[in-house]
C-alpha cells in the first residue's frame, strides 16, 4: 500500500487544475537508478494504466506503481511540504536505509 497525506492530496489536486488535466489522470510513482544515494523517486501524472501496474487509492488519489518499483515503495507515504526548508513532494519510505539531504534519492 502507498498512502497520501492530506497536504499531498491537496497539492495533487492543485497541479491537476493548473496543468489542465482531467480527473482521469493518476499519479505514477516509480523508482529509477541514479541520484546521490543510488535510487531516485520519479513522480508524474499518467492517464494510462498498464497491465502490470499495481493500483492503490488513498483519499481519492489513484497511485500507479510498476512491479519493479513496488518492492522499493511498499508502505511509503507521499507527503507535501511547503516549509522554509524546501517545497515539494516528500517520500516517507520505511524501506529506505539511507536518504540524501534533498530527499529525492535513497538506498535500501
PDB file of N, CA and C in Angstrom:
ATOM      1  N   UNK A   1       0.837  -1.185   0.000  1.00  0.00           N
ATOM      2  CA  UNK A   1       0.000   0.000   0.000  1.00  0.00           C
ATOM      3  C   UNK A   1       0.877   1.241   0.000  1.00  0.00           C
ATOM      4  N   UNK A   2       0.459   2.228  -0.750  1.00  0.00           N
ATOM      5  CA  UNK A   2       1.086   3.540  -0.745  1.00  0.00           C
ATOM      6  C   UNK A   2       0.009   4.525  -0.328  1.00  0.00           C
ATOM      7  N   UNK A   3       0.314   5.354   0.656  1.00  0.00           N
ATOM      8  CA  UNK A   3      -0.693   6.284   1.164  1.00  0.00           C
ATOM      9  C   UNK A   3      -0.306   7.722   0.827  1.00  0.00           C
ATOM     10  N   UNK A   4      -1.285   8.604   0.974  1.00  0.00           N
ATOM     11  CA  UNK A   4      -1.127  10.008   0.624  1.00  0.00           C
ATOM     12  C   UNK A   4      -1.608  10.852   1.802  1.00  0.00           C
ATOM     13  N   UNK A   5      -0.830  11.851   2.194  1.00  0.00           N
ATOM     14  CA  UNK A   5      -1.278  12.756   3.251  1.00  0.00           C
ATOM     15  C   UNK A   5      -2.278  13.753   2.663  1.00  0.00           C
ATOM     16  N   UNK A   6      -2.991  14.445   3.537  1.00  0.00           N
ATOM     17  CA  UNK A   6      -3.943  15.456   3.078  1.00  0.00           C
ATOM     18  C   UNK A   6      -3.239  16.570   2.303  1.00  0.00           C
ATOM     19  N   UNK A   7      -2.056  16.977   2.758  1.00  0.00           N
ATOM     20  CA  UNK A   7      -1.305  18.026   2.067  1.00  0.00           C
ATOM     21  C   UNK A   7      -0.915  17.595   0.653  1.00  0.00           C
ATOM     22  N   UNK A   8      -0.489  16.338   0.511  1.00  0.00           N
ATOM     23  CA  UNK A   8      -0.124  15.833  -0.813  1.00  0.00           C
ATOM     24  C   UNK A   8      -1.357  15.748  -1.709  1.00  0.00           C
ATOM     25  N   UNK A   9      -2.466  15.284  -1.159  1.00  0.00           N
ATOM     26  CA  UNK A   9      -3.714  15.199  -1.932  1.00  0.00           C
ATOM     27  C   UNK A   9      -4.126  16.574  -2.440  1.00  0.00           C
ATOM     28  N   UNK A  10      -4.077  17.572  -1.569  1.00  0.00           N
ATOM     29  CA  UNK A  10      -4.454  18.929  -1.957  1.00  0.00           C
ATOM     30  C   UNK A  10      -3.532  19.484  -3.047  1.00  0.00           C
ATOM     31  N   UNK A  11      -2.232  19.243  -2.920  1.00  0.00           N
ATOM     32  CA  UNK A  11      -1.279  19.743  -3.927  1.00  0.00           C
ATOM     33  C   UNK A  11      -1.474  19.027  -5.256  1.00  0.00           C
ATOM     34  N   UNK A  12      -1.755  17.740  -5.231  1.00  0.00           N
ATOM     35  CA  UNK A  12      -2.018  16.993  -6.466  1.00  0.00           C
ATOM     36  C   UNK A  12      -3.243  17.570  -7.161  1.00  0.00           C
ATOM     37  N   UNK A  13      -4.290  17.860  -6.407  1.00  0.00           N
ATOM     38  CA  UNK A  13      -5.499  18.460  -6.984  1.00  0.00           C
ATOM     39  C   UNK A  13      -5.190  19.816  -7.616  1.00  0.00           C
ATOM     40  N   UNK A  14      -4.385  20.625  -6.935  1.00  0.00           N
ATOM     41  CA  UNK A  14      -3.993  21.936  -7.468  1.00  0.00           C
ATOM     42  C   UNK A  14      -3.216  21.794  -8.778  1.00  0.00           C
ATOM     43  N   UNK A  15      -2.277  20.857  -8.805  1.00  0.00           N
ATOM     44  CA  UNK A  15      -1.466  20.651 -10.006  1.00  0.00           C
ATOM     45  C   UNK A  15      -2.312  20.173 -11.188  1.00  0.00           C
ATOM     46  N   UNK A  16      -3.260  19.279 -10.914  1.00  0.00           N
ATOM     47  CA  UNK A  16      -4.145  18.809 -11.981  1.00  0.00           C
ATOM     48  C   UNK A  16      -4.884  19.985 -12.611  1.00  0.00           C
ATOM     49  N   UNK A  17      -5.388  20.894 -11.777  1.00  0.00           N
ATOM     50  CA  UNK A  17      -6.101  22.072 -12.281  1.00  0.00           C
ATOM     51  C   UNK A  17      -5.166  23.003 -13.035  1.00  0.00           C
ATOM     52  N   UNK A  18      -3.986  23.280 -12.444  1.00  0.00           N
ATOM     53  CA  UNK A  18      -3.021  24.195 -13.067  1.00  0.00           C
ATOM     54  C   UNK A  18      -2.574  23.708 -14.434  1.00  0.00           C
ATOM     55  N   UNK A  19      -2.408  22.398 -14.574  1.00  0.00           N
ATOM     56  CA  UNK A  19      -1.920  21.821 -15.824  1.00  0.00           C
ATOM     57  C   UNK A  19      -3.056  21.470 -16.775  1.00  0.00           C
ATOM     58  N   UNK A  20      -4.287  21.737 -16.381  1.00  0.00           N
ATOM     59  CA  UNK A  20      -5.429  21.469 -17.247  1.00  0.00           C
ATOM     60  C   UNK A  20      -5.682  19.992 -17.483  1.00  0.00           C
ATOM     61  N   UNK A  21      -5.324  19.186 -16.530  1.00  0.00           N
ATOM     62  CA  UNK A  21      -5.541  17.731 -16.654  1.00  0.00           C
ATOM     63  C   UNK A  21      -6.903  17.367 -16.072  1.00  0.00           C
ATOM     64  N   UNK A  22      -7.411  16.237 -16.513  1.00  0.00           N
ATOM     65  CA  UNK A  22      -8.721  15.783 -16.047  1.00  0.00           C
ATOM     66  C   UNK A  22      -8.569  14.873 -14.841  1.00  0.00           C
ATOM     67  N   UNK A  23      -9.695  14.521 -14.274  1.00  0.00           N
ATOM     68  CA  UNK A  23      -9.672  13.596 -13.134  1.00  0.00           C
ATOM     69  C   UNK A  23      -9.309  12.183 -13.576  1.00  0.00           C
ATOM     70  N   UNK A  24      -9.168  11.951 -14.890  1.00  0.00           N
ATOM     71  CA  UNK A  24      -8.737  10.640 -15.389  1.00  0.00           C
ATOM     72  C   UNK A  24      -7.237  10.426 -15.224  1.00  0.00           C
ATOM     73  N   UNK A  25      -6.521  11.481 -14.871  1.00  0.00           N
ATOM     74  CA  UNK A  25      -5.078  11.354 -14.674  1.00  0.00           C
ATOM     75  C   UNK A  25      -4.793  10.835 -13.271  1.00  0.00           C
ATOM     76  N   UNK A  26      -3.910   9.868 -13.227  1.00  0.00           N
ATOM     77  CA  UNK A  26      -3.488   9.257 -11.973  1.00  0.00           C
ATOM     78  C   UNK A  26      -2.063   9.696 -11.665  1.00  0.00           C
ATOM     79  N   UNK A  27      -1.612   9.414 -10.470  1.00  0.00           N
ATOM     80  CA  UNK A  27      -0.242   9.724 -10.081  1.00  0.00           C
ATOM     81  C   UNK A  27       0.596   8.458 -10.262  1.00  0.00           C
ATOM     82  N   UNK A  28       1.634   8.560 -11.089  1.00  0.00           N
ATOM     83  CA  UNK A  28       2.544   7.429 -11.283  1.00  0.00           C
ATOM     84  C   UNK A  28       3.792   7.663 -10.442  1.00  0.00           C
ATOM     85  N   UNK A  29       4.094   6.697  -9.583  1.00  0.00           N
ATOM     86  CA  UNK A  29       5.283   6.752  -8.739  1.00  0.00           C
ATOM     87  C   UNK A  29       6.181   5.596  -9.155  1.00  0.00           C
ATOM     88  N   UNK A  30       7.445   5.901  -9.408  1.00  0.00           N
ATOM     89  CA  UNK A  30       8.379   4.845  -9.782  1.00  0.00           C
ATOM     90  C   UNK A  30       9.748   5.118  -9.167  1.00  0.00           C
ATOM     91  N   UNK A  31      10.598   4.110  -9.263  1.00  0.00           N
ATOM     92  CA  UNK A  31      11.964   4.204  -8.748  1.00  0.00           C
ATOM     93  C   UNK A  31      12.905   3.951  -9.921  1.00  0.00           C
ATOM     94  N   UNK A  32      13.902   4.815 -10.044  1.00  0.00           N
ATOM     95  CA  UNK A  32      14.891   4.691 -11.112  1.00  0.00           C
ATOM     96  C   UNK A  32      16.281   4.749 -10.506  1.00  0.00           C
ATOM     97  N   UNK A  33      17.245   4.180 -11.200  1.00  0.00           N
ATOM     98  CA  UNK A  33      18.629   4.260 -10.760  1.00  0.00           C
ATOM     99  C   UNK A  33      19.153   5.668 -10.911  1.00  0.00           C
ATOM    100  N   UNK A  34      19.962   6.111  -9.946  1.00  0.00           N
ATOM    101  CA  UNK A  34      20.568   7.433 -10.034  1.00  0.00           C
ATOM    102  C   UNK A  34      20.504   8.161  -8.711  1.00  0.00           C
ATOM    103  N   UNK A  35      20.851   9.421  -8.731  1.00  0.00           N
ATOM    104  CA  UNK A  35      20.843  10.219  -7.510  1.00  0.00           C
ATOM    105  C   UNK A  35      22.065   9.945  -6.669  1.00  0.00           C
ATOM    106  N   UNK A  36      22.241  10.724  -5.635  1.00  0.00           N
ATOM    107  CA  UNK A  36      23.446  10.597  -4.808  1.00  0.00           C
ATOM    108  C   UNK A  36      23.409   9.371  -3.895  1.00  0.00           C
ATOM    109  N   UNK A  37      22.235   8.757  -3.715  1.00  0.00           N
ATOM    110  CA  UNK A  37      22.157   7.568  -2.862  1.00  0.00           C
ATOM    111  C   UNK A  37      21.947   6.276  -3.649  1.00  0.00           C
ATOM    112  N   UNK A  38      21.835   6.364  -4.973  1.00  0.00           N
ATOM    113  CA  UNK A  38      21.730   5.155  -5.794  1.00  0.00           C
ATOM    114  C   UNK A  38      20.388   4.937  -6.462  1.00  0.00           C
ATOM    115  N   UNK A  39      19.292   5.341  -5.817  1.00  0.00           N
ATOM    116  CA  UNK A  39      17.956   5.192  -6.384  1.00  0.00           C
ATOM    117  C   UNK A  39      17.220   6.521  -6.257  1.00  0.00           C
ATOM    118  N   UNK A  40      16.389   6.818  -7.262  1.00  0.00           N
ATOM    119  CA  UNK A  40      15.646   8.075  -7.257  1.00  0.00           C
ATOM    120  C   UNK A  40      14.152   7.816  -7.404  1.00  0.00           C
ATOM    121  N   UNK A  41      13.372   8.664  -6.768  1.00  0.00           N
ATOM    122  CA  UNK A  41      11.924   8.629  -6.938  1.00  0.00           C
ATOM    123  C   UNK A  41      11.563   9.401  -8.198  1.00  0.00           C
ATOM    124  N   UNK A  42      10.539   8.933  -8.898  1.00  0.00           N
ATOM    125  CA  UNK A  42      10.010   9.651 -10.049  1.00  0.00           C
ATOM    126  C   UNK A  42       8.505   9.768  -9.870  1.00  0.00           C
ATOM    127  N   UNK A  43       7.983  10.957 -10.049  1.00  0.00           N
ATOM    128  CA  UNK A  43       6.572  11.243  -9.811  1.00  0.00           C
ATOM    129  C   UNK A  43       6.030  11.984 -11.019  1.00  0.00           C
ATOM    130  N   UNK A  44       4.906  11.490 -11.572  1.00  0.00           N
ATOM    131  CA  UNK A  44       4.339  12.108 -12.762  1.00  0.00           C
ATOM    132  C   UNK A  44       2.854  11.794 -12.831  1.00  0.00           C
ATOM    133  N   UNK A  45       2.147  12.473 -13.718  1.00  0.00           N
ATOM    134  CA  UNK A  45       0.753  12.147 -13.988  1.00  0.00           C
ATOM    135  C   UNK A  45       0.691  11.210 -15.184  1.00  0.00           C
ATOM    136  N   UNK A  46      -0.281  10.305 -15.173  1.00  0.00           N
ATOM    137  CA  UNK A  46      -0.448   9.351 -16.270  1.00  0.00           C
ATOM    138  C   UNK A  46      -1.927   9.030 -16.416  1.00  0.00           C
ATOM    139  N   UNK A  47      -2.413   9.032 -17.647  1.00  0.00           N
ATOM    140  CA  UNK A  47      -3.824   8.703 -17.873  1.00  0.00           C
ATOM    141  C   UNK A  47      -4.014   7.272 -18.344  1.00  0.00           C
ATOM    142  N   UNK A  48      -2.909   6.505 -18.394  1.00  0.00           N
ATOM    143  CA  UNK A  48      -2.985   5.103 -18.813  1.00  0.00           C
ATOM    144  C   UNK A  48      -2.559   4.198 -17.666  1.00  0.00           C
ATOM    145  N   UNK A  49      -3.291   3.109 -17.506  1.00  0.00           N
ATOM    146  CA  UNK A  49      -2.921   2.088 -16.528  1.00  0.00           C
ATOM    147  C   UNK A  49      -2.416   0.886 -17.314  1.00  0.00           C
ATOM    148  N   UNK A  50      -1.160   0.543 -17.111  1.00  0.00           N
ATOM    149  CA  UNK A  50      -0.561  -0.598 -17.802  1.00  0.00           C
ATOM    150  C   UNK A  50      -1.005  -1.900 -17.137  1.00  0.00           C
ATOM    151  N   UNK A  51      -1.049  -2.996 -17.903  1.00  0.00           N
ATOM    152  CA  UNK A  51      -1.496  -4.274 -17.332  1.00  0.00           C
ATOM    153  C   UNK A  51      -0.689  -4.737 -16.119  1.00  0.00           C
ATOM    154  N   UNK A  52       0.592  -4.402 -16.072  1.00  0.00           N
ATOM    155  CA  UNK A  52       1.448  -4.847 -14.967  1.00  0.00           C
ATOM    156  C   UNK A  52       1.459  -3.876 -13.785  1.00  0.00           C
ATOM    157  N   UNK A  53       0.734  -2.767 -13.885  1.00  0.00           N
ATOM    158  CA  UNK A  53       0.715  -1.789 -12.802  1.00  0.00           C
ATOM    159  C   UNK A  53      -0.067  -2.287 -11.599  1.00  0.00           C
ATOM    160  N   UNK A  54       0.409  -1.907 -10.438  1.00  0.00           N
ATOM    161  CA  UNK A  54      -0.366  -2.065  -9.213  1.00  0.00           C
ATOM    162  C   UNK A  54      -1.051  -0.722  -8.981  1.00  0.00           C
ATOM    163  N   UNK A  55      -2.329  -0.750  -8.643  1.00  0.00           N
ATOM    164  CA  UNK A  55      -3.093   0.473  -8.451  1.00  0.00           C
ATOM    165  C   UNK A  55      -3.511   0.567  -6.988  1.00  0.00           C
ATOM    166  N   UNK A  56      -3.185   1.691  -6.369  1.00  0.00           N
ATOM    167  CA  UNK A  56      -3.572   1.962  -4.990  1.00  0.00           C
ATOM    168  C   UNK A  56      -4.422   3.221  -4.996  1.00  0.00           C
ATOM    169  N   UNK A  57      -5.375   3.313  -4.088  1.00  0.00           N
ATOM    170  CA  UNK A  57      -6.160   4.527  -3.973  1.00  0.00           C
ATOM    171  C   UNK A  57      -6.235   4.925  -2.510  1.00  0.00           C
ATOM    172  N   UNK A  58      -5.909   6.186  -2.255  1.00  0.00           N
ATOM    173  CA  UNK A  58      -5.981   6.720  -0.906  1.00  0.00           C
ATOM    174  C   UNK A  58      -6.468   8.159  -0.989  1.00  0.00           C
ATOM    175  N   UNK A  59      -7.478   8.481  -0.209  1.00  0.00           N
ATOM    176  CA  UNK A  59      -8.055   9.828  -0.166  1.00  0.00           C
ATOM    177  C   UNK A  59      -8.494  10.308  -1.547  1.00  0.00           C
ATOM    178  N   UNK A  60      -8.940   9.369  -2.388  1.00  0.00           N
ATOM    179  CA  UNK A  60      -9.418   9.723  -3.721  1.00  0.00           C
ATOM    180  C   UNK A  60      -8.326   9.888  -4.760  1.00  0.00           C
ATOM    181  N   UNK A  61      -7.076   9.649  -4.398  1.00  0.00           N
ATOM    182  CA  UNK A  61      -5.953   9.755  -5.332  1.00  0.00           C
ATOM    183  C   UNK A  61      -5.559   8.337  -5.763  1.00  0.00           C
ATOM    184  N   UNK A  62      -5.583   8.085  -7.080  1.00  0.00           N
ATOM    185  CA  UNK A  62      -5.128   6.793  -7.606  1.00  0.00           C
ATOM    186  C   UNK A  62      -3.634   6.873  -7.874  1.00  0.00           C
ATOM    187  N   UNK A  63      -2.909   5.895  -7.345  1.00  0.00           N
ATOM    188  CA  UNK A  63      -1.460   5.840  -7.488  1.00  0.00           C
ATOM    189  C   UNK A  63      -1.107   4.588  -8.280  1.00  0.00           C
ATOM    190  N   UNK A  64      -0.335   4.763  -9.344  1.00  0.00           N
ATOM    191  CA  UNK A  64       0.106   3.666 -10.192  1.00  0.00           C
ATOM    192  C   UNK A  64       1.571   3.373  -9.908  1.00  0.00           C
ATOM    193  N   UNK A  65       1.893   2.091  -9.745  1.00  0.00           N
ATOM    194  CA  UNK A  65       3.274   1.677  -9.487  1.00  0.00           C
ATOM    195  C   UNK A  65       3.582   0.458 -10.335  1.00  0.00           C
ATOM    196  N   UNK A  66       4.692   0.500 -11.083  1.00  0.00           N
ATOM    197  CA  UNK A  66       5.103  -0.675 -11.850  1.00  0.00           C
ATOM    198  C   UNK A  66       5.657  -1.729 -10.895  1.00  0.00           C
ATOM    199  N   UNK A  67       5.648  -2.983 -11.341  1.00  0.00           N
ATOM    200  CA  UNK A  67       6.046  -4.098 -10.462  1.00  0.00           C
ATOM    201  C   UNK A  67       7.471  -3.965  -9.945  1.00  0.00           C
ATOM    202  N   UNK A  68       8.378  -3.493 -10.782  1.00  0.00           N
ATOM    203  CA  UNK A  68       9.775  -3.358 -10.380  1.00  0.00           C
ATOM    204  C   UNK A  68       9.923  -2.351  -9.234  1.00  0.00           C
ATOM    205  N   UNK A  69       9.199  -1.249  -9.307  1.00  0.00           N
ATOM    206  CA  UNK A  69       9.296  -0.208  -8.282  1.00  0.00           C
ATOM    207  C   UNK A  69       8.565  -0.577  -7.000  1.00  0.00           C
ATOM    208  N   UNK A  70       7.568  -1.444  -7.120  1.00  0.00           N
ATOM    209  CA  UNK A  70       6.720  -1.778  -5.981  1.00  0.00           C
ATOM    210  C   UNK A  70       7.520  -2.305  -4.790  1.00  0.00           C
ATOM    211  N   UNK A  71       8.538  -3.115  -5.048  1.00  0.00           N
ATOM    212  CA  UNK A  71       9.356  -3.677  -3.959  1.00  0.00           C
ATOM    213  C   UNK A  71      10.007  -2.589  -3.116  1.00  0.00           C
ATOM    214  N   UNK A  72      10.365  -1.484  -3.746  1.00  0.00           N
ATOM    215  CA  UNK A  72      11.021  -0.390  -3.037  1.00  0.00           C
ATOM    216  C   UNK A  72      10.039   0.553  -2.351  1.00  0.00           C
ATOM    217  N   UNK A  73       8.771   0.525  -2.786  1.00  0.00           N
ATOM    218  CA  UNK A  73       7.817   1.541  -2.355  1.00  0.00           C
ATOM    219  C   UNK A  73       6.738   1.065  -1.391  1.00  0.00           C
ATOM    220  N   UNK A  74       6.632  -0.219  -1.139  1.00  0.00           N
ATOM    221  CA  UNK A  74       5.573  -0.712  -0.248  1.00  0.00           C
ATOM    222  C   UNK A  74       5.650  -0.048   1.116  1.00  0.00           C
ATOM    223  N   UNK A  75       4.529   0.469   1.554  1.00  0.00           N
ATOM    224  CA  UNK A  75       4.463   1.117   2.861  1.00  0.00           C
ATOM    225  C   UNK A  75       4.839   2.586   2.850  1.00  0.00           C
ATOM    226  N   UNK A  76       5.141   3.129   1.667  1.00  0.00           N
ATOM    227  CA  UNK A  76       5.567   4.523   1.555  1.00  0.00           C
ATOM    228  C   UNK A  76       4.375   5.468   1.671  1.00  0.00           C
ATOM    229  N   UNK A  77       4.610   6.619   2.275  1.00  0.00           N
ATOM    230  CA  UNK A  77       3.621   7.684   2.354  1.00  0.00           C
ATOM    231  C   UNK A  77       4.125   8.859   1.531  1.00  0.00           C
ATOM    232  N   UNK A  78       3.266   9.361   0.643  1.00  0.00           N
ATOM    233  CA  UNK A  78       3.583  10.535  -0.156  1.00  0.00           C
ATOM    234  C   UNK A  78       3.072  11.769   0.588  1.00  0.00           C
ATOM    235  N   UNK A  79       3.980  12.706   0.861  1.00  0.00           N
ATOM    236  CA  UNK A  79       3.644  13.915   1.616  1.00  0.00           C
ATOM    237  C   UNK A  79       4.040  15.131   0.785  1.00  0.00           C
ATOM    238  N   UNK A  80       3.585  16.288   1.197  1.00  0.00           N
ATOM    239  CA  UNK A  80       3.979  17.538   0.548  1.00  0.00           C
ATOM    240  C   UNK A  80       4.365  18.537   1.624  1.00  0.00           C
ATOM    241  N   UNK A  81       5.504  19.197   1.404  1.00  0.00           N
ATOM    242  CA  UNK A  81       5.978  20.192   2.353  1.00  0.00           C
ATOM    243  C   UNK A  81       6.109  21.529   1.645  1.00  0.00           C
ATOM    244  N   UNK A  82       5.664  22.576   2.307  1.00  0.00           N
ATOM    245  CA  UNK A  82       5.839  23.915   1.755  1.00  0.00           C
ATOM    246  C   UNK A  82       6.512  24.823   2.779  1.00  0.00           C
ATOM    247  N   UNK A  83       7.364  24.221   3.578  1.00  0.00           N
ATOM    248  CA  UNK A  83       8.029  24.952   4.651  1.00  0.00           C
ATOM    249  C   UNK A  83       9.288  25.666   4.195  1.00  0.00           C
ATOM    250  N   UNK A  84       9.963  26.268   5.150  1.00  0.00           N
ATOM    251  CA  UNK A  84      11.180  27.032   4.874  1.00  0.00           C
ATOM    252  C   UNK A  84      12.338  26.164   4.387  1.00  0.00           C
ATOM    253  N   UNK A  85      12.341  24.905   4.765  1.00  0.00           N
ATOM    254  CA  UNK A  85      13.444  24.019   4.378  1.00  0.00           C
ATOM    255  C   UNK A  85      13.282  23.453   2.980  1.00  0.00           C
ATOM    256  N   UNK A  86      12.272  23.852   2.274  1.00  0.00           N
ATOM    257  CA  UNK A  86      12.072  23.353   0.918  1.00  0.00           C
ATOM    258  C   UNK A  86      10.616  23.076   0.651  1.00  0.00           C
ATOM    259  N   UNK A  87      10.291  23.156  -0.616  1.00  0.00           N
ATOM    260  CA  UNK A  87       8.919  22.947  -1.031  1.00  0.00           C
ATOM    261  C   UNK A  87       8.897  21.804  -2.022  1.00  0.00           C
ATOM    262  N   UNK A  88       7.995  20.874  -1.824  1.00  0.00           N
ATOM    263  CA  UNK A  88       7.878  19.785  -2.776  1.00  0.00           C
ATOM    264  C   UNK A  88       7.336  18.522  -2.135  1.00  0.00           C
ATOM    265  N   UNK A  89       7.176  17.522  -2.981  1.00  0.00           N
ATOM    266  CA  UNK A  89       6.707  16.226  -2.509  1.00  0.00           C
ATOM    267  C   UNK A  89       7.832  15.500  -1.801  1.00  0.00           C
ATOM    268  N   UNK A  90       7.468  14.799  -0.747  1.00  0.00           N
ATOM    269  CA  UNK A  90       8.429  14.025   0.027  1.00  0.00           C
ATOM    270  C   UNK A  90       7.917  12.595   0.155  1.00  0.00           C
ATOM    271  N   UNK A  91       8.841  11.658   0.162  1.00  0.00           N
ATOM    272  CA  UNK A  91       8.505  10.247   0.310  1.00  0.00           C
ATOM    273  C   UNK A  91       8.967   9.776   1.678  1.00  0.00           C
ATOM    274  N   UNK A  92       8.031   9.294   2.468  1.00  0.00           N
ATOM    275  CA  UNK A  92       8.361   8.702   3.763  1.00  0.00           C
ATOM    276  C   UNK A  92       8.368   7.197   3.524  1.00  0.00           C
ATOM    277  N   UNK A  93       9.572   6.668   3.319  1.00  0.00           N
ATOM    278  CA  UNK A  93       9.727   5.290   2.866  1.00  0.00           C
ATOM    279  C   UNK A  93      10.379   4.437   3.952  1.00  0.00           C
ATOM    280  N   UNK A  94       9.637   3.480   4.532  1.00  0.00           N
ATOM    281  CA  UNK A  94      10.203   2.632   5.578  1.00  0.00           C
ATOM    282  C   UNK A  94      11.249   1.653   5.049  1.00  0.00           C
ATOM    283  N   UNK A  95      11.338   1.481   3.739  1.00  0.00           N
ATOM    284  CA  UNK A  95      12.301   0.557   3.135  1.00  0.00           C
ATOM    285  C   UNK A  95      13.666   1.196   2.908  1.00  0.00           C
ATOM    286  N   UNK A  96      13.740   2.519   2.988  1.00  0.00           N
ATOM    287  CA  UNK A  96      14.994   3.224   2.720  1.00  0.00           C
ATOM    288  C   UNK A  96      15.911   3.150   3.935  1.00  0.00           C
ATOM    289  N   UNK A  97      17.113   2.658   3.715  1.00  0.00           N
ATOM    290  CA  UNK A  97      18.080   2.603   4.817  1.00  0.00           C
ATOM    291  C   UNK A  97      18.870   3.904   4.905  1.00  0.00           C
ATOM    292  N   UNK A  98      18.905   4.643   3.798  1.00  0.00           N
ATOM    293  CA  UNK A  98      19.629   5.907   3.762  1.00  0.00           C
ATOM    294  C   UNK A  98      18.941   6.815   2.748  1.00  0.00           C
ATOM    295  N   UNK A  99      18.810   8.082   3.090  1.00  0.00           N
ATOM    296  CA  UNK A  99      18.192   9.069   2.208  1.00  0.00           C
ATOM    297  C   UNK A  99      19.127  10.256   2.097  1.00  0.00           C
ATOM    298  N   UNK A 100      19.210  10.839   0.898  1.00  0.00           N
ATOM    299  CA  UNK A 100      20.075  12.002   0.730  1.00  0.00           C
ATOM    300  C   UNK A 100      19.416  13.221   1.359  1.00  0.00           C
ATOM    301  N   UNK A 101      20.147  14.296   1.468  1.00  0.00           N
ATOM    302  CA  UNK A 101      19.649  15.504   2.103  1.00  0.00           C
ATOM    303  C   UNK A 101      18.454  16.122   1.409  1.00  0.00           C
ATOM    304  N   UNK A 102      18.390  16.001   0.100  1.00  0.00           N
ATOM    305  CA  UNK A 102      17.264  16.620  -0.630  1.00  0.00           C
ATOM    306  C   UNK A 102      16.022  15.743  -0.589  1.00  0.00           C
ATOM    307  N   UNK A 103      16.162  14.466  -0.218  1.00  0.00           N
ATOM    308  CA  UNK A 103      15.016  13.573  -0.123  1.00  0.00           C
ATOM    309  C   UNK A 103      14.573  12.974  -1.433  1.00  0.00           C
ATOM    310  N   UNK A 104      15.307  13.241  -2.525  1.00  0.00           N
ATOM    311  CA  UNK A 104      14.911  12.722  -3.819  1.00  0.00           C
ATOM    312  C   UNK A 104      15.548  11.377  -4.158  1.00  0.00           C
ATOM    313  N   UNK A 105      16.564  10.989  -3.402  1.00  0.00           N
ATOM    314  CA  UNK A 105      17.191   9.692  -3.669  1.00  0.00           C
ATOM    315  C   UNK A 105      17.380   8.931  -2.363  1.00  0.00           C
ATOM    316  N   UNK A 106      17.533   7.608  -2.509  1.00  0.00           N
ATOM    317  CA  UNK A 106      17.633   6.758  -1.326  1.00  0.00           C
ATOM    318  C   UNK A 106      18.372   5.481  -1.685  1.00  0.00           C
ATOM    319  N   UNK A 107      18.686   4.705  -0.670  1.00  0.00           N
ATOM    320  CA  UNK A 107      19.240   3.368  -0.871  1.00  0.00           C
ATOM    321  C   UNK A 107      18.552   2.415   0.092  1.00  0.00           C
ATOM    322  N   UNK A 108      18.623   1.132  -0.261  1.00  0.00           N
ATOM    323  CA  UNK A 108      17.995   0.103   0.590  1.00  0.00           C
ATOM    324  C   UNK A 108      19.041  -0.839   1.127  1.00  0.00           C
TER     325      UNK A 108
END
